[in-house]
Amino acid sequence: MAQQNGIEKPDLQALPTISDRMTFIYLEHCKASRENGAVTATDLYGTVYIPAAAITVLLLGPGTLFPAYAGVILKNYVVQE
Protein backbone atom coordinates (compact mmCIF):
# COMPACT_ATOMS: atom_id res chain seq x y z
CA MET A 1 0.00 0.00 0.00
CA ALA A 2 1.31 3.47 -0.87
CA GLN A 3 2.15 5.77 2.01
CA GLN A 4 -0.12 8.81 2.28
CA ASN A 5 1.54 12.21 2.68
CA GLY A 6 0.07 14.69 5.14
CA ILE A 7 -2.81 14.09 7.50
CA GLU A 8 -5.64 11.64 7.00
CA LYS A 9 -9.01 12.86 5.77
CA PRO A 10 -11.20 13.40 8.86
CA ASP A 11 -14.54 11.70 9.45
CA LEU A 12 -17.66 13.74 8.72
CA GLN A 13 -18.40 14.01 12.46
CA ALA A 14 -14.95 15.50 13.08
CA LEU A 15 -15.51 18.39 10.67
CA PRO A 16 -16.66 21.69 12.15
CA THR A 17 -20.31 22.57 11.83
CA ILE A 18 -21.24 25.42 9.50
CA SER A 19 -21.63 27.78 12.47
CA ASP A 20 -18.01 27.08 13.49
CA ARG A 21 -16.62 27.92 10.07
CA MET A 22 -15.14 31.20 8.93
CA THR A 23 -17.69 33.17 6.93
CA PHE A 24 -15.28 33.97 4.12
CA ILE A 25 -11.60 34.31 3.29
CA TYR A 26 -10.46 36.97 0.83
CA LEU A 27 -7.06 36.50 -0.84
CA GLU A 28 -5.30 38.92 -3.16
CA HIS A 29 -1.78 39.36 -4.51
CA CYS A 30 -0.61 35.95 -3.36
CA LYS A 31 -0.08 32.40 -4.54
CA ALA A 32 -2.56 29.88 -3.13
CA SER A 33 -1.61 26.25 -2.81
CA ARG A 34 -2.36 23.26 -0.58
CA GLU A 35 -0.39 21.44 2.06
CA ASN A 36 -1.38 18.87 4.70
CA GLY A 37 -5.13 19.51 4.65
CA ALA A 38 -4.79 23.28 4.46
CA VAL A 39 -4.98 25.94 1.80
CA THR A 40 -1.83 28.03 1.90
CA ALA A 41 -1.50 31.67 0.87
CA THR A 42 2.05 32.85 0.19
CA ASP A 43 3.14 36.43 -0.46
CA LEU A 44 6.25 38.55 0.19
CA TYR A 45 5.67 38.41 3.96
CA GLY A 46 5.40 34.64 4.32
CA THR A 47 2.87 31.80 4.26
CA VAL A 48 -0.47 31.50 6.02
CA TYR A 49 -2.10 28.09 6.54
CA ILE A 50 -5.91 28.04 6.44
CA PRO A 51 -7.59 24.74 7.43
CA ALA A 52 -9.66 23.64 4.42
CA ALA A 53 -12.46 22.26 6.62
CA ALA A 54 -12.95 25.70 8.19
CA ILE A 55 -13.55 27.60 4.93
CA THR A 56 -17.12 28.39 3.86
CA VAL A 57 -16.35 30.80 0.99
CA LEU A 58 -12.99 31.49 -0.62
CA LEU A 59 -12.89 34.80 -2.51
CA LEU A 60 -9.99 35.37 -4.91
CA GLY A 61 -9.03 38.96 -5.64
CA PRO A 62 -6.71 40.46 -8.25
CA GLY A 63 -3.21 39.11 -8.46
CA THR A 64 -4.09 35.75 -6.90
CA LEU A 65 -2.60 32.65 -8.49
CA PHE A 66 -4.88 29.68 -7.72
CA PRO A 67 -3.87 26.51 -9.60
CA ALA A 68 -6.46 23.77 -10.12
CA TYR A 69 -4.70 21.33 -7.78
CA ALA A 70 -5.17 23.80 -4.90
CA GLY A 71 -8.94 23.61 -5.32
CA VAL A 72 -9.00 19.81 -5.17
CA ILE A 73 -8.54 19.86 -1.40
CA LEU A 74 -11.63 22.04 -1.00
CA LYS A 75 -13.92 19.62 -2.77
CA ASN A 76 -13.25 17.05 -0.05
CA TYR A 77 -14.91 19.30 2.53
CA VAL A 78 -18.12 20.23 0.69
CA VAL A 79 -21.10 20.14 3.04
CA GLN A 80 -23.91 18.07 1.62
CA GLU A 81 -27.34 18.42 3.15
PDB file of N, CA and C in Angstrom:
ATOM      1  N   MET A   1       0.837  -1.166   0.000  1.00  0.00           N
ATOM      2  CA  MET A   1       0.000   0.000   0.000  1.00  0.00           C
ATOM      3  C   MET A   1       0.891   1.240   0.000  1.00  0.00           C
ATOM      4  N   ALA A   2       0.524   2.246  -0.786  1.00  0.00           N
ATOM      5  CA  ALA A   2       1.307   3.468  -0.870  1.00  0.00           C
ATOM      6  C   ALA A   2       1.120   4.309   0.386  1.00  0.00           C
ATOM      7  N   GLN A   3       2.206   4.927   0.823  1.00  0.00           N
ATOM      8  CA  GLN A   3       2.146   5.767   2.009  1.00  0.00           C
ATOM      9  C   GLN A   3       1.493   7.098   1.657  1.00  0.00           C
ATOM     10  N   GLN A   4       0.585   7.561   2.514  1.00  0.00           N
ATOM     11  CA  GLN A   4      -0.116   8.814   2.279  1.00  0.00           C
ATOM     12  C   GLN A   4       0.676   9.958   2.903  1.00  0.00           C
ATOM     13  N   ASN A   5       0.869  11.024   2.145  1.00  0.00           N
ATOM     14  CA  ASN A   5       1.542  12.205   2.676  1.00  0.00           C
ATOM     15  C   ASN A   5       0.530  13.083   3.391  1.00  0.00           C
ATOM     16  N   GLY A   6       0.945  13.765   4.438  1.00  0.00           N
ATOM     17  CA  GLY A   6       0.069  14.691   5.144  1.00  0.00           C
ATOM     18  C   GLY A   6      -0.828  13.972   6.134  1.00  0.00           C
ATOM     19  N   ILE A   7      -1.896  14.657   6.522  1.00  0.00           N
ATOM     20  CA  ILE A   7      -2.813  14.093   7.499  1.00  0.00           C
ATOM     21  C   ILE A   7      -3.903  13.300   6.807  1.00  0.00           C
ATOM     22  N   GLU A   8      -4.552  12.424   7.567  1.00  0.00           N
ATOM     23  CA  GLU A   8      -5.639  11.642   7.005  1.00  0.00           C
ATOM     24  C   GLU A   8      -6.896  12.488   6.893  1.00  0.00           C
ATOM     25  N   LYS A   9      -7.757  12.153   5.934  1.00  0.00           N
ATOM     26  CA  LYS A   9      -9.014  12.856   5.770  1.00  0.00           C
ATOM     27  C   LYS A   9      -9.890  12.569   6.999  1.00  0.00           C
ATOM     28  N   PRO A  10     -10.411  13.631   7.655  1.00  0.00           N
ATOM     29  CA  PRO A  10     -11.196  13.403   8.865  1.00  0.00           C
ATOM     30  C   PRO A  10     -12.575  12.817   8.567  1.00  0.00           C
ATOM     31  N   ASP A  11     -13.167  12.191   9.573  1.00  0.00           N
ATOM     32  CA  ASP A  11     -14.536  11.704   9.445  1.00  0.00           C
ATOM     33  C   ASP A  11     -15.484  12.889   9.385  1.00  0.00           C
ATOM     34  N   LEU A  12     -16.677  12.668   8.845  1.00  0.00           N
ATOM     35  CA  LEU A  12     -17.662  13.736   8.717  1.00  0.00           C
ATOM     36  C   LEU A  12     -18.007  14.335  10.079  1.00  0.00           C
ATOM     37  N   GLN A  13     -18.069  13.513  11.125  1.00  0.00           N
ATOM     38  CA  GLN A  13     -18.403  14.007  12.458  1.00  0.00           C
ATOM     39  C   GLN A  13     -17.299  14.892  13.037  1.00  0.00           C
ATOM     40  N   ALA A  14     -16.080  14.723  12.562  1.00  0.00           N
ATOM     41  CA  ALA A  14     -14.954  15.499  13.081  1.00  0.00           C
ATOM     42  C   ALA A  14     -14.867  16.882  12.444  1.00  0.00           C
ATOM     43  N   LEU A  15     -15.555  17.093  11.333  1.00  0.00           N
ATOM     44  CA  LEU A  15     -15.512  18.385  10.666  1.00  0.00           C
ATOM     45  C   LEU A  15     -16.312  19.411  11.458  1.00  0.00           C
ATOM     46  N   PRO A  16     -15.900  20.671  11.414  1.00  0.00           N
ATOM     47  CA  PRO A  16     -16.655  21.687  12.146  1.00  0.00           C
ATOM     48  C   PRO A  16     -18.039  21.897  11.520  1.00  0.00           C
ATOM     49  N   THR A  17     -18.984  22.259  12.360  1.00  0.00           N
ATOM     50  CA  THR A  17     -20.312  22.573  11.828  1.00  0.00           C
ATOM     51  C   THR A  17     -20.247  23.900  11.103  1.00  0.00           C
ATOM     52  N   ILE A  18     -21.249  24.200  10.306  1.00  0.00           N
ATOM     53  CA  ILE A  18     -21.236  25.416   9.500  1.00  0.00           C
ATOM     54  C   ILE A  18     -21.146  26.658  10.379  1.00  0.00           C
ATOM     55  N   SER A  19     -21.699  26.619  11.588  1.00  0.00           N
ATOM     56  CA  SER A  19     -21.627  27.784  12.475  1.00  0.00           C
ATOM     57  C   SER A  19     -20.215  28.000  13.024  1.00  0.00           C
ATOM     58  N   ASP A  20     -19.373  26.960  13.012  1.00  0.00           N
ATOM     59  CA  ASP A  20     -18.006  27.078  13.492  1.00  0.00           C
ATOM     60  C   ASP A  20     -17.030  27.516  12.404  1.00  0.00           C
ATOM     61  N   ARG A  21     -17.508  27.573  11.180  1.00  0.00           N
ATOM     62  CA  ARG A  21     -16.620  27.917  10.066  1.00  0.00           C
ATOM     63  C   ARG A  21     -16.440  29.423   9.927  1.00  0.00           C
ATOM     64  N   MET A  22     -15.364  29.800   9.247  1.00  0.00           N
ATOM     65  CA  MET A  22     -15.142  31.202   8.929  1.00  0.00           C
ATOM     66  C   MET A  22     -16.164  31.591   7.860  1.00  0.00           C
ATOM     67  N   THR A  23     -16.686  32.794   7.913  1.00  0.00           N
ATOM     68  CA  THR A  23     -17.686  33.170   6.935  1.00  0.00           C
ATOM     69  C   THR A  23     -17.089  33.256   5.537  1.00  0.00           C
ATOM     70  N   PHE A  24     -15.959  33.935   5.408  1.00  0.00           N
ATOM     71  CA  PHE A  24     -15.280  33.972   4.118  1.00  0.00           C
ATOM     72  C   PHE A  24     -13.813  34.317   4.319  1.00  0.00           C
ATOM     73  N   ILE A  25     -13.024  33.958   3.334  1.00  0.00           N
ATOM     74  CA  ILE A  25     -11.603  34.308   3.289  1.00  0.00           C
ATOM     75  C   ILE A  25     -11.378  35.034   1.973  1.00  0.00           C
ATOM     76  N   TYR A  26     -10.760  36.195   2.027  1.00  0.00           N
ATOM     77  CA  TYR A  26     -10.456  36.967   0.834  1.00  0.00           C
ATOM     78  C   TYR A  26      -8.945  36.987   0.639  1.00  0.00           C
ATOM     79  N   LEU A  27      -8.490  36.526  -0.521  1.00  0.00           N
ATOM     80  CA  LEU A  27      -7.064  36.501  -0.837  1.00  0.00           C
ATOM     81  C   LEU A  27      -6.795  37.381  -2.043  1.00  0.00           C
ATOM     82  N   GLU A  28      -5.723  38.167  -1.983  1.00  0.00           N
ATOM     83  CA  GLU A  28      -5.295  38.921  -3.160  1.00  0.00           C
ATOM     84  C   GLU A  28      -3.784  39.075  -3.143  1.00  0.00           C
ATOM     85  N   HIS A  29      -3.219  39.187  -4.325  1.00  0.00           N
ATOM     86  CA  HIS A  29      -1.777  39.364  -4.509  1.00  0.00           C
ATOM     87  C   HIS A  29      -0.974  38.300  -3.763  1.00  0.00           C
ATOM     88  N   CYS A  30      -1.327  37.051  -3.997  1.00  0.00           N
ATOM     89  CA  CYS A  30      -0.609  35.950  -3.363  1.00  0.00           C
ATOM     90  C   CYS A  30      -0.711  34.708  -4.251  1.00  0.00           C
ATOM     91  N   LYS A  31       0.006  33.691  -3.854  1.00  0.00           N
ATOM     92  CA  LYS A  31      -0.076  32.401  -4.537  1.00  0.00           C
ATOM     93  C   LYS A  31      -0.729  31.424  -3.573  1.00  0.00           C
ATOM     94  N   ALA A  32      -1.871  30.872  -3.963  1.00  0.00           N
ATOM     95  CA  ALA A  32      -2.562  29.885  -3.134  1.00  0.00           C
ATOM     96  C   ALA A  32      -2.084  28.493  -3.536  1.00  0.00           C
ATOM     97  N   SER A  33      -2.016  27.622  -2.571  1.00  0.00           N
ATOM     98  CA  SER A  33      -1.614  26.249  -2.811  1.00  0.00           C
ATOM     99  C   SER A  33      -2.277  25.384  -1.761  1.00  0.00           C
ATOM    100  N   ARG A  34      -1.823  24.147  -1.612  1.00  0.00           N
ATOM    101  CA  ARG A  34      -2.356  23.263  -0.581  1.00  0.00           C
ATOM    102  C   ARG A  34      -1.215  22.496   0.055  1.00  0.00           C
ATOM    103  N   GLU A  35      -1.406  22.206   1.340  1.00  0.00           N
ATOM    104  CA  GLU A  35      -0.391  21.445   2.060  1.00  0.00           C
ATOM    105  C   GLU A  35      -1.012  20.866   3.329  1.00  0.00           C
ATOM    106  N   ASN A  36      -0.933  19.559   3.496  1.00  0.00           N
ATOM    107  CA  ASN A  36      -1.380  18.874   4.702  1.00  0.00           C
ATOM    108  C   ASN A  36      -2.783  19.259   5.159  1.00  0.00           C
ATOM    109  N   GLY A  37      -3.743  19.225   4.269  1.00  0.00           N
ATOM    110  CA  GLY A  37      -5.129  19.507   4.647  1.00  0.00           C
ATOM    111  C   GLY A  37      -5.446  20.978   4.817  1.00  0.00           C
ATOM    112  N   ALA A  38      -4.564  21.840   4.335  1.00  0.00           N
ATOM    113  CA  ALA A  38      -4.789  23.277   4.458  1.00  0.00           C
ATOM    114  C   ALA A  38      -4.565  23.957   3.119  1.00  0.00           C
ATOM    115  N   VAL A  39      -5.260  25.053   2.924  1.00  0.00           N
ATOM    116  CA  VAL A  39      -4.985  25.943   1.802  1.00  0.00           C
ATOM    117  C   VAL A  39      -3.912  26.898   2.297  1.00  0.00           C
ATOM    118  N   THR A  40      -2.882  27.104   1.508  1.00  0.00           N
ATOM    119  CA  THR A  40      -1.828  28.035   1.902  1.00  0.00           C
ATOM    120  C   THR A  40      -1.881  29.273   1.025  1.00  0.00           C
ATOM    121  N   ALA A  41      -1.591  30.403   1.602  1.00  0.00           N
ATOM    122  CA  ALA A  41      -1.498  31.666   0.871  1.00  0.00           C
ATOM    123  C   ALA A  41      -0.105  32.225   1.134  1.00  0.00           C
ATOM    124  N   THR A  42       0.669  32.394   0.065  1.00  0.00           N
ATOM    125  CA  THR A  42       2.050  32.853   0.188  1.00  0.00           C
ATOM    126  C   THR A  42       2.216  34.180  -0.534  1.00  0.00           C
ATOM    127  N   ASP A  43       2.801  35.156   0.167  1.00  0.00           N
ATOM    128  CA  ASP A  43       3.142  36.427  -0.455  1.00  0.00           C
ATOM    129  C   ASP A  43       4.546  36.830   0.005  1.00  0.00           C
ATOM    130  N   LEU A  44       4.904  38.089  -0.163  1.00  0.00           N
ATOM    131  CA  LEU A  44       6.249  38.550   0.193  1.00  0.00           C
ATOM    132  C   LEU A  44       6.539  38.445   1.685  1.00  0.00           C
ATOM    133  N   TYR A  45       5.493  38.401   2.506  1.00  0.00           N
ATOM    134  CA  TYR A  45       5.671  38.409   3.963  1.00  0.00           C
ATOM    135  C   TYR A  45       5.686  37.014   4.581  1.00  0.00           C
ATOM    136  N   GLY A  46       5.376  35.994   3.793  1.00  0.00           N
ATOM    137  CA  GLY A  46       5.395  34.636   4.320  1.00  0.00           C
ATOM    138  C   GLY A  46       4.186  33.829   3.887  1.00  0.00           C
ATOM    139  N   THR A  47       3.939  32.737   4.600  1.00  0.00           N
ATOM    140  CA  THR A  47       2.872  31.799   4.259  1.00  0.00           C
ATOM    141  C   THR A  47       1.882  31.690   5.406  1.00  0.00           C
ATOM    142  N   VAL A  48       0.602  31.682   5.052  1.00  0.00           N
ATOM    143  CA  VAL A  48      -0.474  31.498   6.022  1.00  0.00           C
ATOM    144  C   VAL A  48      -1.165  30.182   5.689  1.00  0.00           C
ATOM    145  N   TYR A  49      -1.417  29.363   6.714  1.00  0.00           N
ATOM    146  CA  TYR A  49      -2.098  28.086   6.544  1.00  0.00           C
ATOM    147  C   TYR A  49      -3.538  28.231   7.016  1.00  0.00           C
ATOM    148  N   ILE A  50      -4.484  27.922   6.136  1.00  0.00           N
ATOM    149  CA  ILE A  50      -5.909  28.037   6.443  1.00  0.00           C
ATOM    150  C   ILE A  50      -6.505  26.637   6.367  1.00  0.00           C
ATOM    151  N   PRO A  51      -7.018  26.085   7.469  1.00  0.00           N
ATOM    152  CA  PRO A  51      -7.594  24.736   7.428  1.00  0.00           C
ATOM    153  C   PRO A  51      -8.741  24.665   6.415  1.00  0.00           C
ATOM    154  N   ALA A  52      -8.657  23.738   5.487  1.00  0.00           N
ATOM    155  CA  ALA A  52      -9.664  23.642   4.421  1.00  0.00           C
ATOM    156  C   ALA A  52     -11.050  23.366   4.971  1.00  0.00           C
ATOM    157  N   ALA A  53     -11.158  22.606   6.054  1.00  0.00           N
ATOM    158  CA  ALA A  53     -12.461  22.265   6.622  1.00  0.00           C
ATOM    159  C   ALA A  53     -13.132  23.468   7.268  1.00  0.00           C
ATOM    160  N   ALA A  54     -12.391  24.529   7.519  1.00  0.00           N
ATOM    161  CA  ALA A  54     -12.946  25.700   8.191  1.00  0.00           C
ATOM    162  C   ALA A  54     -13.391  26.787   7.212  1.00  0.00           C
ATOM    163  N   ILE A  55     -13.217  26.580   5.924  1.00  0.00           N
ATOM    164  CA  ILE A  55     -13.550  27.599   4.927  1.00  0.00           C
ATOM    165  C   ILE A  55     -14.969  27.382   4.419  1.00  0.00           C
ATOM    166  N   THR A  56     -15.798  28.442   4.454  1.00  0.00           N
ATOM    167  CA  THR A  56     -17.125  28.391   3.855  1.00  0.00           C
ATOM    168  C   THR A  56     -17.064  28.954   2.442  1.00  0.00           C
ATOM    169  N   VAL A  57     -16.476  30.143   2.293  1.00  0.00           N
ATOM    170  CA  VAL A  57     -16.353  30.800   0.986  1.00  0.00           C
ATOM    171  C   VAL A  57     -14.921  31.287   0.831  1.00  0.00           C
ATOM    172  N   LEU A  58     -14.342  31.014  -0.312  1.00  0.00           N
ATOM    173  CA  LEU A  58     -12.993  31.492  -0.616  1.00  0.00           C
ATOM    174  C   LEU A  58     -13.099  32.476  -1.779  1.00  0.00           C
ATOM    175  N   LEU A  59     -12.818  33.749  -1.502  1.00  0.00           N
ATOM    176  CA  LEU A  59     -12.889  34.800  -2.512  1.00  0.00           C
ATOM    177  C   LEU A  59     -11.482  35.101  -3.000  1.00  0.00           C
ATOM    178  N   LEU A  60     -11.306  35.124  -4.319  1.00  0.00           N
ATOM    179  CA  LEU A  60      -9.988  35.373  -4.905  1.00  0.00           C
ATOM    180  C   LEU A  60      -9.985  36.733  -5.573  1.00  0.00           C
ATOM    181  N   GLY A  61      -9.132  37.621  -5.096  1.00  0.00           N
ATOM    182  CA  GLY A  61      -9.033  38.963  -5.640  1.00  0.00           C
ATOM    183  C   GLY A  61      -7.975  39.049  -6.723  1.00  0.00           C
ATOM    184  N   PRO A  62      -7.702  40.270  -7.186  1.00  0.00           N
ATOM    185  CA  PRO A  62      -6.710  40.459  -8.252  1.00  0.00           C
ATOM    186  C   PRO A  62      -5.322  40.051  -7.809  1.00  0.00           C
ATOM    187  N   GLY A  63      -4.581  39.504  -8.734  1.00  0.00           N
ATOM    188  CA  GLY A  63      -3.208  39.106  -8.456  1.00  0.00           C
ATOM    189  C   GLY A  63      -3.062  37.798  -7.711  1.00  0.00           C
ATOM    190  N   THR A  64      -4.149  37.026  -7.600  1.00  0.00           N
ATOM    191  CA  THR A  64      -4.091  35.748  -6.898  1.00  0.00           C
ATOM    192  C   THR A  64      -3.871  34.623  -7.898  1.00  0.00           C
ATOM    193  N   LEU A  65      -2.856  33.826  -7.673  1.00  0.00           N
ATOM    194  CA  LEU A  65      -2.600  32.645  -8.489  1.00  0.00           C
ATOM    195  C   LEU A  65      -3.195  31.453  -7.746  1.00  0.00           C
ATOM    196  N   PHE A  66      -4.186  30.803  -8.356  1.00  0.00           N
ATOM    197  CA  PHE A  66      -4.876  29.684  -7.718  1.00  0.00           C
ATOM    198  C   PHE A  66      -4.918  28.516  -8.697  1.00  0.00           C
ATOM    199  N   PRO A  67      -3.900  27.650  -8.671  1.00  0.00           N
ATOM    200  CA  PRO A  67      -3.871  26.513  -9.601  1.00  0.00           C
ATOM    201  C   PRO A  67      -4.972  25.501  -9.279  1.00  0.00           C
ATOM    202  N   ALA A  68      -5.354  24.734 -10.264  1.00  0.00           N
ATOM    203  CA  ALA A  68      -6.456  23.773 -10.116  1.00  0.00           C
ATOM    204  C   ALA A  68      -6.198  22.773  -8.992  1.00  0.00           C
ATOM    205  N   TYR A  69      -4.969  22.322  -8.813  1.00  0.00           N
ATOM    206  CA  TYR A  69      -4.699  21.330  -7.776  1.00  0.00           C
ATOM    207  C   TYR A  69      -4.943  21.892  -6.373  1.00  0.00           C
ATOM    208  N   ALA A  70      -4.885  23.203  -6.207  1.00  0.00           N
ATOM    209  CA  ALA A  70      -5.165  23.796  -4.899  1.00  0.00           C
ATOM    210  C   ALA A  70      -6.648  23.669  -4.556  1.00  0.00           C
ATOM    211  N   GLY A  71      -7.506  23.719  -5.549  1.00  0.00           N
ATOM    212  CA  GLY A  71      -8.942  23.605  -5.318  1.00  0.00           C
ATOM    213  C   GLY A  71      -9.407  22.196  -5.040  1.00  0.00           C
ATOM    214  N   VAL A  72      -8.614  21.206  -5.387  1.00  0.00           N
ATOM    215  CA  VAL A  72      -8.996  19.809  -5.173  1.00  0.00           C
ATOM    216  C   VAL A  72      -9.198  19.525  -3.693  1.00  0.00           C
ATOM    217  N   ILE A  73      -8.400  20.112  -2.838  1.00  0.00           N
ATOM    218  CA  ILE A  73      -8.537  19.864  -1.399  1.00  0.00           C
ATOM    219  C   ILE A  73      -9.870  20.396  -0.881  1.00  0.00           C
ATOM    220  N   LEU A  74     -10.376  21.459  -1.471  1.00  0.00           N
ATOM    221  CA  LEU A  74     -11.629  22.043  -0.997  1.00  0.00           C
ATOM    222  C   LEU A  74     -12.829  21.172  -1.315  1.00  0.00           C
ATOM    223  N   LYS A  75     -12.782  20.448  -2.407  1.00  0.00           N
ATOM    224  CA  LYS A  75     -13.925  19.615  -2.773  1.00  0.00           C
ATOM    225  C   LYS A  75     -14.144  18.472  -1.782  1.00  0.00           C
ATOM    226  N   ASN A  76     -13.122  18.106  -1.040  1.00  0.00           N
ATOM    227  CA  ASN A  76     -13.253  17.048  -0.047  1.00  0.00           C
ATOM    228  C   ASN A  76     -14.065  17.480   1.176  1.00  0.00           C
ATOM    229  N   TYR A  77     -14.238  18.791   1.352  1.00  0.00           N
ATOM    230  CA  TYR A  77     -14.915  19.302   2.531  1.00  0.00           C
ATOM    231  C   TYR A  77     -16.251  19.971   2.197  1.00  0.00           C
ATOM    232  N   VAL A  78     -16.831  19.660   1.065  1.00  0.00           N
ATOM    233  CA  VAL A  78     -18.125  20.225   0.690  1.00  0.00           C
ATOM    234  C   VAL A  78     -19.190  19.666   1.610  1.00  0.00           C
ATOM    235  N   VAL A  79     -20.017  20.564   2.164  1.00  0.00           N
ATOM    236  CA  VAL A  79     -21.100  20.142   3.042  1.00  0.00           C
ATOM    237  C   VAL A  79     -22.292  19.748   2.195  1.00  0.00           C
ATOM    238  N   GLN A  80     -22.757  18.538   2.368  1.00  0.00           N
ATOM    239  CA  GLN A  80     -23.912  18.066   1.618  1.00  0.00           C
ATOM    240  C   GLN A  80     -25.065  17.889   2.591  1.00  0.00           C
ATOM    241  N   GLU A  81     -26.177  18.528   2.276  1.00  0.00           N
ATOM    242  CA  GLU A  81     -27.340  18.424   3.152  1.00  0.00           C
ATOM    243  C   GLU A  81     -28.413  17.584   2.551  1.00  0.00           C
TER     244      GLU A  81
END
